[in-house]
Amino acid sequence: MKKLIGISLLLGVLLAVPQARADVSTALGVQTTTPGTYEGSHIFSGSKIFSISVTWHTMAARWLMIFDATSVPGSGALSAASPLKACQYVQGTGTQADGTQNFSWLSSPLLVRTGVVVVLSTNAAGCSSLTPDGANNWFGGQVQ
C-alpha cells in the first residue's frame, strides 16, 4: 500500500510540473525581403522550410516555386532534373491586385540540401515552366 501511495505522489508531482515545449513559430526567426523593396524571388538561408508568406502588388496568376538551389534557375521549361522542391498556385493573384498568401509546413518541414530559393512564376504553364515575376512581391519565411 505504501508503494502505491508513493507512486501516486510521484505521478502527481510529475504531472504538476509544466512540460517544456518548443513552439516552432516563436523559436524560429523570420527572414524577409528588405522592408520597402519588392522582388520576384528571394533566397533564404537554411535547410528546413517551415513557412513562406508572399505579398503581391499586381494582378497576374502566380505559382510559388521553391527550389533546392543557391540561385534562381533559368527561365523556361523545367526538366525532371530541376531542383524544384515544391510548387503551388497562389490563390487570388489572378483576381486581385494586392494580397497575401501564407504557406505552412510546420508539421512536416520541407528539407533542402543546397539552399532555399523561392520564386513567384507568372508562366501560364504552371509548375512545369518558370517565368520569374518582376519586382512586385514581398517574401517572408521561417527557415532554419
C-alpha atoms as a PDB file:
ATOM      1  CA  MET A   1       0.000   0.000   0.000  1.00  0.00           C
ATOM      2  CA  LYS A   2       2.884   2.381   0.829  1.00  0.00           C
ATOM      3  CA  LYS A   3       4.340   1.706  -2.645  1.00  0.00           C
ATOM      4  CA  LEU A   4       1.051   2.597  -4.298  1.00  0.00           C
ATOM      5  CA  ILE A   5       0.817   5.860  -2.322  1.00  0.00           C
ATOM      6  CA  GLY A   6       4.453   6.666  -3.198  1.00  0.00           C
ATOM      7  CA  ILE A   7       3.868   6.026  -6.915  1.00  0.00           C
ATOM      8  CA  SER A   8       0.683   8.119  -6.825  1.00  0.00           C
ATOM      9  CA  LEU A   9       2.531  11.019  -5.180  1.00  0.00           C
ATOM     10  CA  LEU A  10       5.387  10.761  -7.693  1.00  0.00           C
ATOM     11  CA  LEU A  11       2.957  10.773 -10.619  1.00  0.00           C
ATOM     12  CA  GLY A  12       1.139  13.749  -9.126  1.00  0.00           C
ATOM     13  CA  VAL A  13       4.375  15.705  -8.847  1.00  0.00           C
ATOM     14  CA  LEU A  14       5.459  14.815 -12.384  1.00  0.00           C
ATOM     15  CA  LEU A  15       2.110  15.793 -13.836  1.00  0.00           C
ATOM     16  CA  ALA A  16       2.109  19.082 -11.918  1.00  0.00           C
ATOM     17  CA  VAL A  17       5.484  20.192 -13.344  1.00  0.00           C
ATOM     18  CA  PRO A  18       4.912  22.230 -16.516  1.00  0.00           C
ATOM     19  CA  GLN A  19       6.327  20.499 -19.544  1.00  0.00           C
ATOM     20  CA  ALA A  20       8.848  22.462 -21.609  1.00  0.00           C
ATOM     21  CA  ARG A  21       7.604  22.807 -25.145  1.00  0.00           C
ATOM     22  CA  ALA A  22       9.271  24.138 -28.250  1.00  0.00           C
ATOM     23  CA  ASP A  23       6.905  26.432 -30.089  1.00  0.00           C
ATOM     24  CA  VAL A  24       8.243  26.486 -33.646  1.00  0.00           C
ATOM     25  CA  SER A  25       6.533  29.744 -34.558  1.00  0.00           C
ATOM     26  CA  THR A  26       8.342  31.681 -31.823  1.00  0.00           C
ATOM     27  CA  ALA A  27      11.589  29.703 -31.755  1.00  0.00           C
ATOM     28  CA  LEU A  28      12.402  30.406 -35.412  1.00  0.00           C
ATOM     29  CA  GLY A  29      13.475  33.756 -36.691  1.00  0.00           C
ATOM     30  CA  VAL A  30      11.631  35.222 -39.645  1.00  0.00           C
ATOM     31  CA  GLN A  31      13.616  36.114 -42.758  1.00  0.00           C
ATOM     32  CA  THR A  32      12.108  38.706 -45.103  1.00  0.00           C
ATOM     33  CA  THR A  33      12.612  40.855 -48.137  1.00  0.00           C
ATOM     34  CA  THR A  34      14.249  44.144 -47.180  1.00  0.00           C
ATOM     35  CA  PRO A  35      11.459  46.479 -45.996  1.00  0.00           C
ATOM     36  CA  GLY A  36      10.271  48.861 -48.711  1.00  0.00           C
ATOM     37  CA  THR A  37      11.611  46.748 -51.588  1.00  0.00           C
ATOM     38  CA  TYR A  38       9.920  44.226 -53.861  1.00  0.00           C
ATOM     39  CA  GLU A  39      11.331  41.320 -55.812  1.00  0.00           C
ATOM     40  CA  GLY A  40      10.306  38.352 -57.966  1.00  0.00           C
ATOM     41  CA  SER A  41      12.327  35.830 -55.959  1.00  0.00           C
ATOM     42  CA  HIS A  42      14.078  35.547 -52.633  1.00  0.00           C
ATOM     43  CA  ILE A  43      16.994  33.451 -51.375  1.00  0.00           C
ATOM     44  CA  PHE A  44      16.629  32.274 -47.775  1.00  0.00           C
ATOM     45  CA  SER A  45      19.387  30.838 -45.604  1.00  0.00           C
ATOM     46  CA  GLY A  46      18.830  27.419 -44.052  1.00  0.00           C
ATOM     47  CA  SER A  47      17.823  23.900 -44.969  1.00  0.00           C
ATOM     48  CA  LYS A  48      14.395  23.462 -43.289  1.00  0.00           C
ATOM     49  CA  ILE A  49      11.403  25.432 -44.552  1.00  0.00           C
ATOM     50  CA  PHE A  50       8.596  25.811 -42.010  1.00  0.00           C
ATOM     51  CA  SER A  51       6.538  28.551 -43.675  1.00  0.00           C
ATOM     52  CA  ILE A  52       6.605  31.055 -46.535  1.00  0.00           C
ATOM     53  CA  SER A  53       4.464  34.163 -46.921  1.00  0.00           C
ATOM     54  CA  VAL A  54       4.143  36.145 -50.149  1.00  0.00           C
ATOM     55  CA  THR A  55       2.539  39.522 -50.774  1.00  0.00           C
ATOM     56  CA  TRP A  56       1.931  40.649 -54.345  1.00  0.00           C
ATOM     57  CA  HIS A  57       1.123  44.078 -55.781  1.00  0.00           C
ATOM     58  CA  THR A  58      -0.050  43.449 -59.361  1.00  0.00           C
ATOM     59  CA  MET A  59      -2.821  41.248 -60.760  1.00  0.00           C
ATOM     60  CA  ALA A  60      -1.363  38.209 -62.551  1.00  0.00           C
ATOM     61  CA  ALA A  61      -1.704  34.497 -61.886  1.00  0.00           C
ATOM     62  CA  ARG A  62       1.351  33.273 -59.950  1.00  0.00           C
ATOM     63  CA  TRP A  63       2.840  29.992 -58.816  1.00  0.00           C
ATOM     64  CA  LEU A  64       5.031  29.726 -55.735  1.00  0.00           C
ATOM     65  CA  MET A  65       8.083  27.645 -56.627  1.00  0.00           C
ATOM     66  CA  ILE A  66      10.636  26.507 -54.074  1.00  0.00           C
ATOM     67  CA  PHE A  67      13.968  25.294 -55.396  1.00  0.00           C
ATOM     68  CA  ASP A  68      16.761  23.382 -53.671  1.00  0.00           C
ATOM     69  CA  ALA A  69      19.395  25.735 -55.098  1.00  0.00           C
ATOM     70  CA  THR A  70      21.523  28.802 -54.365  1.00  0.00           C
ATOM     71  CA  SER A  71      20.310  30.929 -57.296  1.00  0.00           C
ATOM     72  CA  VAL A  72      17.185  31.295 -59.425  1.00  0.00           C
ATOM     73  CA  PRO A  73      17.141  28.681 -62.221  1.00  0.00           C
ATOM     74  CA  GLY A  74      16.898  29.885 -65.814  1.00  0.00           C
ATOM     75  CA  SER A  75      13.518  30.686 -67.335  1.00  0.00           C
ATOM     76  CA  GLY A  76      11.660  28.142 -69.411  1.00  0.00           C
ATOM     77  CA  ALA A  77      10.516  24.550 -69.155  1.00  0.00           C
ATOM     78  CA  LEU A  78      11.647  22.643 -66.075  1.00  0.00           C
ATOM     79  CA  SER A  79      13.173  19.220 -66.592  1.00  0.00           C
ATOM     80  CA  ALA A  80      12.871  16.191 -64.343  1.00  0.00           C
ATOM     81  CA  ALA A  81      16.372  17.037 -63.071  1.00  0.00           C
ATOM     82  CA  SER A  82      15.206  20.502 -61.964  1.00  0.00           C
ATOM     83  CA  PRO A  83      15.817  21.257 -58.282  1.00  0.00           C
ATOM     84  CA  LEU A  84      12.104  22.137 -57.841  1.00  0.00           C
ATOM     85  CA  LYS A  85      11.136  21.096 -54.307  1.00  0.00           C
ATOM     86  CA  ALA A  86       7.543  22.392 -54.178  1.00  0.00           C
ATOM     87  CA  CYS A  87       5.126  24.291 -56.401  1.00  0.00           C
ATOM     88  CA  GLN A  88       1.674  25.652 -55.642  1.00  0.00           C
ATOM     89  CA  TYR A  89      -0.738  28.082 -57.236  1.00  0.00           C
ATOM     90  CA  VAL A  90      -1.052  31.301 -55.224  1.00  0.00           C
ATOM     91  CA  GLN A  91      -4.805  31.814 -54.699  1.00  0.00           C
ATOM     92  CA  GLY A  92      -6.148  35.268 -55.526  1.00  0.00           C
ATOM     93  CA  THR A  93      -3.222  36.516 -57.605  1.00  0.00           C
ATOM     94  CA  GLY A  94      -5.187  36.388 -60.858  1.00  0.00           C
ATOM     95  CA  THR A  95      -8.228  38.209 -59.461  1.00  0.00           C
ATOM     96  CA  GLN A  96      -6.872  40.876 -57.117  1.00  0.00           C
ATOM     97  CA  ALA A  97      -4.078  43.418 -57.449  1.00  0.00           C
ATOM     98  CA  ASP A  98      -2.901  43.192 -53.843  1.00  0.00           C
ATOM     99  CA  GLY A  99      -2.931  40.283 -51.449  1.00  0.00           C
ATOM    100  CA  THR A 100      -1.020  37.924 -49.201  1.00  0.00           C
ATOM    101  CA  GLN A 101      -0.907  34.134 -49.110  1.00  0.00           C
ATOM    102  CA  ASN A 102       0.745  32.019 -46.429  1.00  0.00           C
ATOM    103  CA  PHE A 103       2.074  28.503 -46.917  1.00  0.00           C
ATOM    104  CA  SER A 104       2.878  26.325 -43.907  1.00  0.00           C
ATOM    105  CA  TRP A 105       4.845  23.138 -43.430  1.00  0.00           C
ATOM    106  CA  LEU A 106       5.103  23.408 -39.623  1.00  0.00           C
ATOM    107  CA  SER A 107       4.063  19.795 -39.072  1.00  0.00           C
ATOM    108  CA  SER A 108       6.425  18.458 -41.735  1.00  0.00           C
ATOM    109  CA  PRO A 109       9.099  20.972 -42.849  1.00  0.00           C
ATOM    110  CA  LEU A 110      10.412  20.915 -46.410  1.00  0.00           C
ATOM    111  CA  LEU A 111      14.048  19.845 -46.371  1.00  0.00           C
ATOM    112  CA  VAL A 112      16.679  21.028 -48.840  1.00  0.00           C
ATOM    113  CA  ARG A 113      20.388  20.282 -49.189  1.00  0.00           C
ATOM    114  CA  THR A 114      21.801  23.078 -51.329  1.00  0.00           C
ATOM    115  CA  GLY A 115      19.805  26.192 -50.424  1.00  0.00           C
ATOM    116  CA  VAL A 116      16.342  27.762 -50.430  1.00  0.00           C
ATOM    117  CA  VAL A 117      15.272  29.809 -53.439  1.00  0.00           C
ATOM    118  CA  VAL A 118      11.646  30.947 -53.559  1.00  0.00           C
ATOM    119  CA  VAL A 119      10.316  32.280 -56.866  1.00  0.00           C
ATOM    120  CA  LEU A 120       6.920  33.566 -57.944  1.00  0.00           C
ATOM    121  CA  SER A 121       6.411  32.478 -61.530  1.00  0.00           C
ATOM    122  CA  THR A 122       3.854  34.020 -63.881  1.00  0.00           C
ATOM    123  CA  ASN A 123       4.183  31.323 -66.558  1.00  0.00           C
ATOM    124  CA  ALA A 124       0.740  30.072 -67.636  1.00  0.00           C
ATOM    125  CA  ALA A 125       2.131  26.515 -67.818  1.00  0.00           C
ATOM    126  CA  GLY A 126       2.130  26.483 -64.012  1.00  0.00           C
ATOM    127  CA  CYS A 127       4.614  24.211 -62.285  1.00  0.00           C
ATOM    128  CA  SER A 128       6.174  22.864 -65.473  1.00  0.00           C
ATOM    129  CA  SER A 129       7.780  26.118 -66.605  1.00  0.00           C
ATOM    130  CA  LEU A 130       9.408  29.116 -64.926  1.00  0.00           C
ATOM    131  CA  THR A 131       8.998  32.805 -65.732  1.00  0.00           C
ATOM    132  CA  PRO A 132      10.083  34.804 -62.662  1.00  0.00           C
ATOM    133  CA  ASP A 133       7.747  37.651 -61.794  1.00  0.00           C
ATOM    134  CA  GLY A 134       9.125  41.179 -61.760  1.00  0.00           C
ATOM    135  CA  ALA A 135       9.824  43.243 -58.650  1.00  0.00           C
ATOM    136  CA  ASN A 136       6.200  43.097 -57.487  1.00  0.00           C
ATOM    137  CA  ASN A 137       6.370  40.916 -54.391  1.00  0.00           C
ATOM    138  CA  TRP A 138       7.434  40.766 -50.776  1.00  0.00           C
ATOM    139  CA  PHE A 139       8.591  37.492 -49.174  1.00  0.00           C
ATOM    140  CA  GLY A 140       8.809  36.313 -45.604  1.00  0.00           C
ATOM    141  CA  GLY A 141       9.614  32.902 -44.225  1.00  0.00           C
ATOM    142  CA  GLN A 142      10.523  30.766 -41.275  1.00  0.00           C
ATOM    143  CA  VAL A 143      13.564  28.879 -42.494  1.00  0.00           C
ATOM    144  CA  GLN A 144      16.123  27.257 -40.256  1.00  0.00           C
END
